[in-house]
Amino acid sequence: MRNLLSTENPRLSAFGCGSVRICSGILRTMTVSGRFGENVLRIRQARKLTQEGLAERAHIHRTQITLVETGRRQPGIETVVRLAGALEVSTESLFEGIRWDPRAGRFVVADPPELPRV
């Protein structure tokens, strides 16, 4: 696994820099897709839903849930709305910790606050 802070990483150039984490001794930057996926995962787990349960409620395939939660897929608008409805949260909560900085011309990705356990 290479250092994600590298300017050679196309995901960073496309989505901007975000919060920095150390995983397995490697300094990593959270991408927009990664933060969105972690938000879905965090909320799903707080609701005590399986990926299968969420997929069924959202009427999407379970593999798409996996791809979204791992940051490997950027969902379309309809999927975002389906996920929010299935999780019984606002679409805004799925984007927690993600914002656009117009001055810098890039996304700013931060860690969202912890959810209370349901």
Protein backbone atom coordinates (compact mmCIF):
# COMPACT_ATOMS: atom_id res chain seq x y z
CA MET A 1 0.00 0.00 0.00
CA ARG A 2 1.50 3.33 -0.98
CA ASN A 3 1.37 6.64 0.81
CA LEU A 4 -1.91 8.29 -0.13
CA LEU A 5 -0.51 11.77 0.46
CA SER A 6 1.47 11.39 -2.73
CA THR A 7 0.59 13.89 -5.45
CA GLU A 8 0.72 10.94 -7.84
CA ASN A 9 -2.50 9.57 -6.37
CA PRO A 10 -5.33 10.34 -8.85
CA ARG A 11 -8.00 10.06 -6.14
CA LEU A 12 -6.45 12.97 -4.24
CA SER A 13 -6.21 15.15 -7.29
CA ALA A 14 -9.85 14.40 -8.12
CA PHE A 15 -11.32 14.72 -4.63
CA GLY A 16 -8.92 16.93 -2.70
CA CYS A 17 -7.16 16.27 0.55
CA GLY A 18 -8.90 15.30 3.72
CA SER A 19 -8.22 14.22 7.24
CA VAL A 20 -4.94 12.42 7.76
CA ARG A 21 -4.81 9.00 9.45
CA ILE A 22 -2.15 6.47 10.19
CA CYS A 23 -3.16 2.95 9.14
CA SER A 24 -0.73 0.05 9.39
CA GLY A 25 2.11 2.52 9.92
CA ILE A 26 1.28 4.37 6.68
CA LEU A 27 0.13 7.98 6.66
CA ARG A 28 -3.19 8.10 4.76
CA THR A 29 -5.53 10.85 3.70
CA MET A 30 -9.28 10.31 3.87
CA THR A 31 -10.98 10.95 0.52
CA VAL A 32 -14.53 12.18 -0.04
CA SER A 33 -15.57 8.67 -1.07
CA GLY A 34 -13.85 7.20 1.97
CA ARG A 35 -15.50 9.62 4.41
CA PHE A 36 -18.93 9.08 2.82
CA GLY A 37 -18.46 5.31 3.06
CA GLU A 38 -17.36 5.48 6.67
CA ASN A 39 -20.44 7.59 7.45
CA VAL A 40 -22.71 4.96 5.88
CA LEU A 41 -20.90 2.18 7.77
CA ARG A 42 -20.99 4.05 11.10
CA ILE A 43 -24.70 4.83 10.80
CA ARG A 44 -25.56 1.32 9.59
CA GLN A 45 -23.75 -0.23 12.55
CA ALA A 46 -25.39 2.21 14.98
CA ARG A 47 -28.76 1.08 13.58
CA LYS A 48 -27.66 -2.55 14.02
CA LEU A 49 -28.29 -3.34 10.36
CA THR A 50 -26.34 -5.82 8.27
CA GLN A 51 -25.23 -4.90 4.76
CA GLU A 52 -27.91 -7.28 3.52
CA GLY A 53 -30.56 -5.57 5.65
CA LEU A 54 -29.55 -2.12 4.43
CA ALA A 55 -29.46 -3.31 0.82
CA GLU A 56 -32.93 -4.76 1.14
CA ARG A 57 -34.35 -1.59 2.70
CA ALA A 58 -32.65 0.64 0.10
CA HIS A 59 -33.53 -1.68 -2.82
CA ILE A 60 -29.93 -1.88 -4.01
CA HIS A 61 -27.53 -4.82 -4.26
CA ARG A 62 -25.46 -5.75 -1.20
CA THR A 63 -22.22 -5.54 -3.18
CA GLN A 64 -22.95 -1.89 -3.86
CA ILE A 65 -23.20 -1.31 -0.10
CA THR A 66 -19.76 -2.90 0.28
CA LEU A 67 -18.28 -0.75 -2.48
CA VAL A 68 -19.77 2.44 -1.01
CA GLU A 69 -18.69 1.63 2.57
CA THR A 70 -15.12 0.94 1.46
CA GLY A 71 -14.93 4.14 -0.59
CA ARG A 72 -14.54 2.29 -3.88
CA ARG A 73 -17.82 3.56 -5.33
CA GLN A 74 -19.33 7.03 -5.42
CA PRO A 75 -23.10 6.61 -5.29
CA GLY A 76 -25.42 8.60 -7.53
CA ILE A 77 -28.04 10.98 -6.16
CA GLU A 78 -30.81 8.37 -6.19
CA THR A 79 -28.66 5.91 -4.26
CA VAL A 80 -27.74 8.56 -1.67
CA VAL A 81 -31.43 9.31 -1.12
CA ARG A 82 -32.24 5.58 -0.88
CA LEU A 83 -29.44 5.01 1.65
CA ALA A 84 -30.56 7.97 3.77
CA GLY A 85 -34.16 6.75 3.73
CA ALA A 86 -33.19 3.17 4.55
CA LEU A 87 -31.00 4.40 7.43
CA GLU A 88 -33.70 6.86 8.57
CA VAL A 89 -31.31 9.83 8.52
CA SER A 90 -31.03 13.00 6.46
CA THR A 91 -28.89 12.98 3.34
CA GLU A 92 -26.87 15.69 5.06
CA SER A 93 -25.80 13.26 7.78
CA LEU A 94 -24.26 10.98 5.13
CA PHE A 95 -22.05 13.90 4.07
CA GLU A 96 -20.96 14.75 7.62
CA GLY A 97 -17.32 15.82 7.66
CA ILE A 98 -17.26 16.63 3.92
CA ARG A 99 -17.28 20.19 2.62
CA TRP A 100 -16.07 22.16 -0.39
CA ASP A 101 -13.60 24.98 0.19
CA PRO A 102 -14.11 27.40 -2.72
CA ARG A 103 -11.03 29.45 -1.87
CA ALA A 104 -8.73 26.45 -1.97
CA GLY A 105 -10.68 24.81 -4.78
CA ARG A 106 -10.78 21.44 -3.04
CA PHE A 107 -12.75 19.26 -0.68
CA VAL A 108 -12.02 19.35 3.03
CA VAL A 109 -12.64 16.03 4.74
CA ALA A 110 -12.73 15.78 8.52
CA ASP A 111 -13.74 13.19 11.07
CA PRO A 112 -17.45 13.54 11.95
CA PRO A 113 -18.65 13.44 15.55
CA GLU A 114 -19.49 10.04 17.00
CA LEU A 115 -23.09 8.89 16.74
CA PRO A 116 -24.96 7.97 19.90
CA ARG A 117 -25.68 4.24 20.05
CA VAL A 118 -29.26 3.33 19.22
